[in-house]
Amino acid sequence: MANALVSIQIIPKTKNGEDVIPYVDEAIKLIEDSGVTYQVNALETTMEGELSKLLSVVENMNEKMTELGSPSVISQVKIAYRPEGITMGELTEKYR
């Protein structure tokens, strides 16, 4: 069972002021390839799973941005942690 939700907004700096969307698309692909449950929203992506796994995904996302040529990256991260379990659905069901 998932014990954490991690939301991330990744903001890569581009070398020549290029559009960041292709970088963000690569970051989201990395999340998808990790196998964790996730939901893309307008300004951030939320992942659901074990905290250590999700933090590893965040680390990999930052590394991927630099591999793609970004000289630096800002990642804004929010974490909801509940050892007995937590899901995105629990937090949003009353709005659905």
Protein backbone atom coordinates (compact mmCIF):
# COMPACT_ATOMS: atom_id res chain seq x y z
CA MET A 1 0.00 0.00 0.00
CA ALA A 2 1.17 3.52 -0.81
CA ASN A 3 2.34 5.50 2.20
CA ALA A 4 3.03 8.79 0.42
CA LEU A 5 1.88 11.26 -2.16
CA VAL A 6 4.57 13.39 -3.77
CA SER A 7 3.69 16.29 -6.02
CA ILE A 8 6.42 17.80 -8.14
CA GLN A 9 6.73 20.80 -10.37
CA ILE A 10 10.02 20.56 -12.22
CA ILE A 11 11.44 23.75 -13.70
CA PRO A 12 14.55 23.11 -15.80
CA LYS A 13 16.65 26.04 -16.93
CA THR A 14 17.31 25.79 -20.64
CA LYS A 15 20.61 26.72 -22.28
CA ASN A 16 19.27 29.26 -24.75
CA GLY A 17 15.83 30.04 -23.36
CA GLU A 18 14.15 27.21 -25.26
CA ASP A 19 10.67 26.03 -24.35
CA VAL A 20 10.76 23.82 -21.24
CA ILE A 21 7.78 21.65 -22.29
CA PRO A 22 9.91 19.02 -24.08
CA TYR A 23 11.98 18.71 -20.89
CA VAL A 24 8.86 18.39 -18.75
CA ASP A 25 7.50 15.77 -21.16
CA GLU A 26 10.68 13.74 -20.61
CA ALA A 27 10.30 14.09 -16.83
CA ILE A 28 6.72 12.80 -17.03
CA LYS A 29 7.84 9.91 -19.24
CA LEU A 30 10.36 8.99 -16.55
CA ILE A 31 7.54 8.92 -13.98
CA GLU A 32 5.46 6.75 -16.30
CA ASP A 33 8.36 4.36 -16.89
CA SER A 34 8.90 4.04 -13.12
CA GLY A 35 5.58 2.23 -12.76
CA VAL A 36 4.23 4.41 -9.95
CA THR A 37 0.65 5.65 -9.98
CA TYR A 38 0.57 9.28 -11.04
CA GLN A 39 -1.69 12.07 -12.22
CA VAL A 40 -0.61 15.00 -14.39
CA ASN A 41 -2.25 18.31 -13.51
CA ALA A 42 -1.86 21.79 -14.97
CA LEU A 43 1.02 22.92 -12.75
CA GLU A 44 2.36 19.76 -11.13
CA THR A 45 2.30 15.99 -11.26
CA THR A 46 1.30 13.92 -8.24
CA MET A 47 2.72 10.44 -7.65
CA GLU A 48 1.45 7.78 -5.24
CA GLY A 49 3.59 5.06 -3.69
CA GLU A 50 6.29 4.28 -1.17
CA LEU A 51 8.10 7.44 -0.09
CA SER A 52 11.60 6.12 -0.80
CA LYS A 53 10.60 5.07 -4.33
CA LEU A 54 8.95 8.42 -5.06
CA LEU A 55 11.98 10.36 -3.83
CA SER A 56 14.14 8.21 -6.07
CA VAL A 57 11.92 9.16 -9.02
CA VAL A 58 12.35 12.84 -8.12
CA GLU A 59 16.12 12.37 -8.04
CA ASN A 60 16.05 10.62 -11.43
CA MET A 61 13.94 13.43 -12.89
CA ASN A 62 16.49 16.03 -11.87
CA GLU A 63 19.35 13.97 -13.24
CA LYS A 64 17.47 13.50 -16.53
CA MET A 65 17.07 17.26 -16.95
CA THR A 66 20.83 17.76 -16.71
CA GLU A 67 21.43 14.86 -19.11
CA LEU A 68 19.19 16.68 -21.59
CA GLY A 69 21.37 19.77 -21.29
CA SER A 70 19.71 21.80 -18.57
CA PRO A 71 22.46 23.52 -16.57
CA SER A 72 20.26 23.69 -13.45
CA VAL A 73 16.85 22.59 -12.20
CA ILE A 74 14.37 23.82 -9.62
CA SER A 75 12.02 21.17 -8.23
CA GLN A 76 9.14 22.23 -6.06
CA VAL A 77 8.04 19.16 -4.10
CA LYS A 78 5.13 18.56 -1.73
CA ILE A 79 4.93 15.38 0.33
CA ALA A 80 1.97 13.87 2.16
CA TYR A 81 3.11 10.93 4.27
CA ARG A 82 0.90 8.54 6.23
CA PRO A 83 2.53 5.26 7.37
CA GLU A 84 -0.80 3.43 7.44
CA GLY A 85 -1.48 4.39 3.81
CA ILE A 86 -2.68 7.24 1.65
CA THR A 87 -4.08 7.59 -1.86
CA MET A 88 -4.92 10.45 -4.20
CA GLY A 89 -8.48 9.18 -4.28
CA GLU A 90 -8.90 9.53 -0.52
CA LEU A 91 -7.96 13.18 -0.66
CA THR A 92 -10.06 14.08 -3.67
CA GLU A 93 -13.09 11.76 -3.58
CA LYS A 94 -15.44 14.39 -2.15
CA TYR A 95 -14.72 16.58 -5.19
CA ARG A 96 -15.37 13.90 -7.78
